[in-house]
Amino acid sequence: MPGAYVSESKAYAKFHGETSMGGNYRLYSLEVYPDELLTYGDPHEFIYIPRSLDVAHERMQNRQRD
């Protein structure tokens, strides 16, 4: 989903979801291009900004929930 927080590490994402979000999170796997990730200084956290809304929609239709 555009604007979603993402991580390159499934383990980190689970840890962050449990500790920082009190278990109130959803975890998905999705392959994206590196230029679609915006960083703000944390080496494990990014924001997903797709190349286009069409690309994002197609990926979301084919995503896998972990």
Foldseek 3Di string as FASTA:
>chain_A
DAFDKFFPDPVVVVVCCCPVVVVPDWDWDFDDDPVQWDDDPDNGITGGHHPDVVVVVVRVVVIGTD
